[in-house]
Amino acid sequence: NPQSGSVPQQEALEAAQLRDRVHHQVV
């Protein structure tokens, strides 16, 4: 079951990427 626990990690990664994009745009 290699995908076990990957959903929360993927969501956290996407949130971090979104934060970085918005941060750069705001700056």
PDB file of all heavy atoms in Angstrom:
ATOM      1  N   ASN A   1       0.841  -1.187   0.000  1.00  0.00           N
ATOM      2  CA  ASN A   1       0.000   0.000   0.000  1.00  0.00           C
ATOM      3  C   ASN A   1       0.881   1.244   0.000  1.00  0.00           C
ATOM      4  O   ASN A   1       0.943   1.977   0.970  1.00  0.00           O
ATOM      5  CB  ASN A   1      -0.928  -0.006   1.218  1.00  0.00           C
ATOM      6  CG  ASN A   1      -1.957   1.127   1.157  1.00  0.00           C
ATOM      7  OD1 ASN A   1      -2.223   1.687   0.101  1.00  0.00           O
ATOM      8  ND2 ASN A   1      -2.547   1.440   2.312  1.00  0.00           N
ATOM      9  N   PRO A   2       1.590   1.492  -1.087  1.00  0.00           N
ATOM     10  CA  PRO A   2       2.547   2.597  -1.133  1.00  0.00           C
ATOM     11  C   PRO A   2       1.914   3.961  -1.003  1.00  0.00           C
ATOM     12  O   PRO A   2       2.574   4.937  -0.698  1.00  0.00           O
ATOM     13  CB  PRO A   2       3.225   2.410  -2.500  1.00  0.00           C
ATOM     14  CG  PRO A   2       2.204   1.692  -3.332  1.00  0.00           C
ATOM     15  CD  PRO A   2       1.513   0.776  -2.391  1.00  0.00           C
ATOM     16  N   GLN A   3       0.603   4.069  -1.259  1.00  0.00           N
ATOM     17  CA  GLN A   3      -0.048   5.366  -1.193  1.00  0.00           C
ATOM     18  C   GLN A   3      -0.533   5.724   0.207  1.00  0.00           C
ATOM     19  O   GLN A   3      -1.109   6.798   0.411  1.00  0.00           O
ATOM     20  CB  GLN A   3      -1.255   5.397  -2.156  1.00  0.00           C
ATOM     21  CG  GLN A   3      -0.897   5.160  -3.605  1.00  0.00           C
ATOM     22  CD  GLN A   3       0.071   6.203  -4.138  1.00  0.00           C
ATOM     23  OE1 GLN A   3      -0.088   7.392  -3.877  1.00  0.00           O
ATOM     24  NE2 GLN A   3       1.082   5.754  -4.860  1.00  0.00           N
ATOM     25  N   SER A   4      -0.306   4.810   1.191  1.00  0.00           N
ATOM     26  CA  SER A   4      -0.785   5.052   2.548  1.00  0.00           C
ATOM     27  C   SER A   4      -0.183   6.323   3.132  1.00  0.00           C
ATOM     28  O   SER A   4       1.028   6.501   3.146  1.00  0.00           O
ATOM     29  CB  SER A   4      -0.419   3.856   3.441  1.00  0.00           C
ATOM     30  OG  SER A   4      -0.814   4.089   4.770  1.00  0.00           O
ATOM     31  N   GLY A   5      -1.060   7.189   3.611  1.00  0.00           N
ATOM     32  CA  GLY A   5      -0.612   8.435   4.226  1.00  0.00           C
ATOM     33  C   GLY A   5      -0.197   9.511   3.238  1.00  0.00           C
ATOM     34  O   GLY A   5       0.232  10.593   3.630  1.00  0.00           O
ATOM     35  N   SER A   6      -0.342   9.253   1.915  1.00  0.00           N
ATOM     36  CA  SER A   6       0.131  10.214   0.928  1.00  0.00           C
ATOM     37  C   SER A   6      -0.869  11.345   0.697  1.00  0.00           C
ATOM     38  O   SER A   6      -0.488  12.422   0.251  1.00  0.00           O
ATOM     39  CB  SER A   6       0.431   9.504  -0.395  1.00  0.00           C
ATOM     40  OG  SER A   6      -0.760   8.947  -0.937  1.00  0.00           O
ATOM     41  N   VAL A   7      -2.167  11.106   0.985  1.00  0.00           N
ATOM     42  CA  VAL A   7      -3.171  12.141   0.736  1.00  0.00           C
ATOM     43  C   VAL A   7      -2.934  13.385   1.589  1.00  0.00           C
ATOM     44  O   VAL A   7      -2.882  14.496   1.060  1.00  0.00           O
ATOM     45  CB  VAL A   7      -4.591  11.570   0.942  1.00  0.00           C
ATOM     46  CG1 VAL A   7      -5.619  12.690   0.828  1.00  0.00           C
ATOM     47  CG2 VAL A   7      -4.879  10.498  -0.097  1.00  0.00           C
ATOM     48  N   PRO A   8      -2.789  13.242   2.914  1.00  0.00           N
ATOM     49  CA  PRO A   8      -2.510  14.437   3.713  1.00  0.00           C
ATOM     50  C   PRO A   8      -1.216  15.134   3.294  1.00  0.00           C
ATOM     51  O   PRO A   8      -1.143  16.372   3.296  1.00  0.00           O
ATOM     52  CB  PRO A   8      -2.415  13.899   5.143  1.00  0.00           C
ATOM     53  CG  PRO A   8      -3.156  12.607   5.126  1.00  0.00           C
ATOM     54  CD  PRO A   8      -2.937  12.051   3.764  1.00  0.00           C
ATOM     55  N   GLN A   9      -0.190  14.337   2.959  1.00  0.00           N
ATOM     56  CA  GLN A   9       1.072  14.929   2.525  1.00  0.00           C
ATOM     57  C   GLN A   9       0.889  15.713   1.232  1.00  0.00           C
ATOM     58  O   GLN A   9       1.456  16.794   1.069  1.00  0.00           O
ATOM     59  CB  GLN A   9       2.127  13.836   2.345  1.00  0.00           C
ATOM     60  CG  GLN A   9       2.533  13.145   3.636  1.00  0.00           C
ATOM     61  CD  GLN A   9       3.528  12.032   3.408  1.00  0.00           C
ATOM     62  OE1 GLN A   9       3.953  11.777   2.281  1.00  0.00           O
ATOM     63  NE2 GLN A   9       3.899  11.343   4.480  1.00  0.00           N
ATOM     64  N   GLN A  10       0.107  15.160   0.304  1.00  0.00           N
ATOM     65  CA  GLN A  10      -0.137  15.832  -0.962  1.00  0.00           C
ATOM     66  C   GLN A  10      -0.903  17.135  -0.748  1.00  0.00           C
ATOM     67  O   GLN A  10      -0.594  18.161  -1.365  1.00  0.00           O
ATOM     68  CB  GLN A  10      -0.936  14.902  -1.891  1.00  0.00           C
ATOM     69  CG  GLN A  10      -1.197  15.479  -3.284  1.00  0.00           C
ATOM     70  CD  GLN A  10       0.076  15.692  -4.073  1.00  0.00           C
ATOM     71  OE1 GLN A  10       1.073  14.989  -3.876  1.00  0.00           O
ATOM     72  NE2 GLN A  10       0.075  16.690  -4.964  1.00  0.00           N
ATOM     73  N   GLU A  11      -1.893  17.101   0.154  1.00  0.00           N
ATOM     74  CA  GLU A  11      -2.660  18.307   0.454  1.00  0.00           C
ATOM     75  C   GLU A  11      -1.776  19.383   1.075  1.00  0.00           C
ATOM     76  O   GLU A  11      -1.894  20.565   0.750  1.00  0.00           O
ATOM     77  CB  GLU A  11      -3.816  17.966   1.388  1.00  0.00           C
ATOM     78  CG  GLU A  11      -4.916  17.140   0.738  1.00  0.00           C
ATOM     79  CD  GLU A  11      -6.019  16.772   1.718  1.00  0.00           C
ATOM     80  OE1 GLU A  11      -5.823  16.998   2.928  1.00  0.00           O
ATOM     81  OE2 GLU A  11      -7.071  16.258   1.282  1.00  0.00           O
ATOM     82  N   ALA A  12      -0.890  18.979   1.974  1.00  0.00           N
ATOM     83  CA  ALA A  12       0.021  19.933   2.604  1.00  0.00           C
ATOM     84  C   ALA A  12       0.971  20.546   1.582  1.00  0.00           C
ATOM     85  O   ALA A  12       1.258  21.750   1.620  1.00  0.00           O
ATOM     86  CB  ALA A  12       0.819  19.243   3.718  1.00  0.00           C
ATOM     87  N   LEU A  13       1.449  19.704   0.644  1.00  0.00           N
ATOM     88  CA  LEU A  13       2.340  20.197  -0.406  1.00  0.00           C
ATOM     89  C   LEU A  13       1.633  21.207  -1.294  1.00  0.00           C
ATOM     90  O   LEU A  13       2.190  22.258  -1.634  1.00  0.00           O
ATOM     91  CB  LEU A  13       2.868  19.024  -1.231  1.00  0.00           C
ATOM     92  CG  LEU A  13       3.802  19.375  -2.405  1.00  0.00           C
ATOM     93  CD1 LEU A  13       5.065  20.067  -1.891  1.00  0.00           C
ATOM     94  CD2 LEU A  13       4.175  18.112  -3.191  1.00  0.00           C
ATOM     95  N   GLU A  14       0.399  20.884  -1.685  1.00  0.00           N
ATOM     96  CA  GLU A  14      -0.366  21.801  -2.537  1.00  0.00           C
ATOM     97  C   GLU A  14      -0.638  23.122  -1.816  1.00  0.00           C
ATOM     98  O   GLU A  14      -0.578  24.197  -2.429  1.00  0.00           O
ATOM     99  CB  GLU A  14      -1.675  21.134  -2.953  1.00  0.00           C
ATOM    100  CG  GLU A  14      -1.490  19.983  -3.930  1.00  0.00           C
ATOM    101  CD  GLU A  14      -2.797  19.261  -4.241  1.00  0.00           C
ATOM    102  OE1 GLU A  14      -3.832  19.640  -3.621  1.00  0.00           O
ATOM    103  OE2 GLU A  14      -2.792  18.338  -5.084  1.00  0.00           O
ATOM    104  N   ALA A  15      -0.946  23.064  -0.506  1.00  0.00           N
ATOM    105  CA  ALA A  15      -1.179  24.283   0.267  1.00  0.00           C
ATOM    106  C   ALA A  15       0.080  25.136   0.329  1.00  0.00           C
ATOM    107  O   ALA A  15       0.026  26.363   0.211  1.00  0.00           O
ATOM    108  CB  ALA A  15      -1.660  23.937   1.676  1.00  0.00           C
ATOM    109  N   ALA A  16       1.241  24.483   0.513  1.00  0.00           N
ATOM    110  CA  ALA A  16       2.513  25.210   0.578  1.00  0.00           C
ATOM    111  C   ALA A  16       2.831  25.865  -0.761  1.00  0.00           C
ATOM    112  O   ALA A  16       3.303  27.008  -0.812  1.00  0.00           O
ATOM    113  CB  ALA A  16       3.639  24.263   0.988  1.00  0.00           C
ATOM    114  N   GLN A  17       2.571  25.136  -1.866  1.00  0.00           N
ATOM    115  CA  GLN A  17       2.810  25.701  -3.200  1.00  0.00           C
ATOM    116  C   GLN A  17       1.898  26.893  -3.464  1.00  0.00           C
ATOM    117  O   GLN A  17       2.328  27.907  -4.030  1.00  0.00           O
ATOM    118  CB  GLN A  17       2.622  24.612  -4.257  1.00  0.00           C
ATOM    119  CG  GLN A  17       3.690  23.522  -4.214  1.00  0.00           C
ATOM    120  CD  GLN A  17       3.374  22.362  -5.142  1.00  0.00           C
ATOM    121  OE1 GLN A  17       2.226  22.165  -5.565  1.00  0.00           O
ATOM    122  NE2 GLN A  17       4.401  21.580  -5.469  1.00  0.00           N
ATOM    123  N   LEU A  18       0.630  26.772  -3.054  1.00  0.00           N
ATOM    124  CA  LEU A  18      -0.304  27.883  -3.210  1.00  0.00           C
ATOM    125  C   LEU A  18       0.166  29.091  -2.409  1.00  0.00           C
ATOM    126  O   LEU A  18       0.164  30.218  -2.916  1.00  0.00           O
ATOM    127  CB  LEU A  18      -1.695  27.457  -2.752  1.00  0.00           C
ATOM    128  CG  LEU A  18      -2.743  28.577  -2.625  1.00  0.00           C
ATOM    129  CD1 LEU A  18      -3.052  29.171  -3.997  1.00  0.00           C
ATOM    130  CD2 LEU A  18      -4.015  28.062  -1.948  1.00  0.00           C
ATOM    131  N   ARG A  19       0.558  28.872  -1.172  1.00  0.00           N
ATOM    132  CA  ARG A  19       1.040  29.962  -0.328  1.00  0.00           C
ATOM    133  C   ARG A  19       2.232  30.662  -0.954  1.00  0.00           C
ATOM    134  O   ARG A  19       2.300  31.892  -0.969  1.00  0.00           O
ATOM    135  CB  ARG A  19       1.416  29.401   1.047  1.00  0.00           C
ATOM    136  CG  ARG A  19       1.943  30.427   2.042  1.00  0.00           C
ATOM    137  CD  ARG A  19       2.533  29.709   3.249  1.00  0.00           C
ATOM    138  NE  ARG A  19       3.641  28.854   2.824  1.00  0.00           N
ATOM    139  CZ  ARG A  19       4.070  27.793   3.522  1.00  0.00           C
ATOM    140  NH1 ARG A  19       3.515  27.462   4.654  1.00  0.00           N
ATOM    141  NH2 ARG A  19       5.103  27.074   3.061  1.00  0.00           N
ATOM    142  N   ASP A  20       3.153  29.893  -1.524  1.00  0.00           N
ATOM    143  CA  ASP A  20       4.334  30.493  -2.152  1.00  0.00           C
ATOM    144  C   ASP A  20       3.940  31.333  -3.362  1.00  0.00           C
ATOM    145  O   ASP A  20       4.469  32.438  -3.560  1.00  0.00           O
ATOM    146  CB  ASP A  20       5.330  29.406  -2.556  1.00  0.00           C
ATOM    147  CG  ASP A  20       5.982  28.720  -1.362  1.00  0.00           C
ATOM    148  OD1 ASP A  20       5.879  29.267  -0.246  1.00  0.00           O
ATOM    149  OD2 ASP A  20       6.579  27.637  -1.546  1.00  0.00           O
ATOM    150  N   ARG A  21       3.025  30.809  -4.209  1.00  0.00           N
ATOM    151  CA  ARG A  21       2.598  31.565  -5.398  1.00  0.00           C
ATOM    152  C   ARG A  21       1.937  32.879  -4.997  1.00  0.00           C
ATOM    153  O   ARG A  21       2.246  33.944  -5.556  1.00  0.00           O
ATOM    154  CB  ARG A  21       1.629  30.723  -6.242  1.00  0.00           C
ATOM    155  CG  ARG A  21       2.244  29.581  -7.003  1.00  0.00           C
ATOM    156  CD  ARG A  21       1.326  29.094  -8.108  1.00  0.00           C
ATOM    157  NE  ARG A  21      -0.009  28.730  -7.623  1.00  0.00           N
ATOM    158  CZ  ARG A  21      -0.329  27.520  -7.152  1.00  0.00           C
ATOM    159  NH1 ARG A  21       0.595  26.572  -7.088  1.00  0.00           N
ATOM    160  NH2 ARG A  21      -1.561  27.268  -6.742  1.00  0.00           N
ATOM    161  N   VAL A  22       1.019  32.796  -4.037  1.00  0.00           N
ATOM    162  CA  VAL A  22       0.315  33.995  -3.600  1.00  0.00           C
ATOM    163  C   VAL A  22       1.281  34.971  -2.950  1.00  0.00           C
ATOM    164  O   VAL A  22       1.212  36.187  -3.160  1.00  0.00           O
ATOM    165  CB  VAL A  22      -0.833  33.625  -2.633  1.00  0.00           C
ATOM    166  CG1 VAL A  22      -1.473  34.884  -2.062  1.00  0.00           C
ATOM    167  CG2 VAL A  22      -1.879  32.791  -3.354  1.00  0.00           C
ATOM    168  N   HIS A  23       2.212  34.449  -2.166  1.00  0.00           N
ATOM    169  CA  HIS A  23       3.197  35.296  -1.488  1.00  0.00           C
ATOM    170  C   HIS A  23       4.007  36.105  -2.502  1.00  0.00           C
ATOM    171  O   HIS A  23       4.178  37.323  -2.356  1.00  0.00           O
ATOM    172  CB  HIS A  23       4.120  34.431  -0.627  1.00  0.00           C
ATOM    173  CG  HIS A  23       5.127  35.205   0.165  1.00  0.00           C
ATOM    174  ND1 HIS A  23       6.360  35.564  -0.344  1.00  0.00           N
ATOM    175  CD2 HIS A  23       5.101  35.705   1.415  1.00  0.00           C
ATOM    176  CE1 HIS A  23       7.033  36.246   0.573  1.00  0.00           C
ATOM    177  NE2 HIS A  23       6.297  36.345   1.643  1.00  0.00           N
ATOM    178  N   HIS A  24       4.508  35.432  -3.539  1.00  0.00           N
ATOM    179  CA  HIS A  24       5.303  36.126  -4.562  1.00  0.00           C
ATOM    180  C   HIS A  24       4.466  37.174  -5.293  1.00  0.00           C
ATOM    181  O   HIS A  24       4.940  38.279  -5.578  1.00  0.00           O
ATOM    182  CB  HIS A  24       5.888  35.124  -5.554  1.00  0.00           C
ATOM    183  CG  HIS A  24       6.981  34.260  -4.976  1.00  0.00           C
ATOM    184  ND1 HIS A  24       8.100  34.785  -4.361  1.00  0.00           N
ATOM    185  CD2 HIS A  24       7.122  32.911  -4.912  1.00  0.00           C
ATOM    186  CE1 HIS A  24       8.889  33.806  -3.948  1.00  0.00           C
ATOM    187  NE2 HIS A  24       8.316  32.661  -4.266  1.00  0.00           N
ATOM    188  N   GLN A  25       3.221  36.828  -5.605  1.00  0.00           N
ATOM    189  CA  GLN A  25       2.355  37.779  -6.300  1.00  0.00           C
ATOM    190  C   GLN A  25       2.089  39.009  -5.440  1.00  0.00           C
ATOM    191  O   GLN A  25       2.128  40.146  -5.935  1.00  0.00           O
ATOM    192  CB  GLN A  25       1.022  37.102  -6.679  1.00  0.00           C
ATOM    193  CG  GLN A  25       0.055  38.049  -7.401  1.00  0.00           C
ATOM    194  CD  GLN A  25      -1.205  37.339  -7.860  1.00  0.00           C
ATOM    195  OE1 GLN A  25      -1.172  36.169  -8.263  1.00  0.00           O
ATOM    196  NE2 GLN A  25      -2.350  38.027  -7.798  1.00  0.00           N
ATOM    197  N   VAL A  26       1.827  38.794  -4.138  1.00  0.00           N
ATOM    198  CA  VAL A  26       1.555  39.907  -3.231  1.00  0.00           C
ATOM    199  C   VAL A  26       2.784  40.815  -3.115  1.00  0.00           C
ATOM    200  O   VAL A  26       2.662  42.045  -3.136  1.00  0.00           O
ATOM    201  CB  VAL A  26       1.131  39.377  -1.844  1.00  0.00           C
ATOM    202  CG1 VAL A  26       1.078  40.515  -0.829  1.00  0.00           C
ATOM    203  CG2 VAL A  26      -0.231  38.709  -1.936  1.00  0.00           C
ATOM    204  N   VAL A  27       3.965  40.215  -2.988  1.00  0.00           N
ATOM    205  CA  VAL A  27       5.192  41.012  -2.885  1.00  0.00           C
ATOM    206  C   VAL A  27       5.397  41.858  -4.138  1.00  0.00           C
ATOM    207  O   VAL A  27       5.737  43.044  -4.058  1.00  0.00           O
ATOM    208  CB  VAL A  27       6.415  40.098  -2.636  1.00  0.00           C
ATOM    209  CG1 VAL A  27       7.711  40.888  -2.771  1.00  0.00           C
ATOM    210  CG2 VAL A  27       6.329  39.464  -1.265  1.00  0.00           C
TER     211      VAL A  27
END
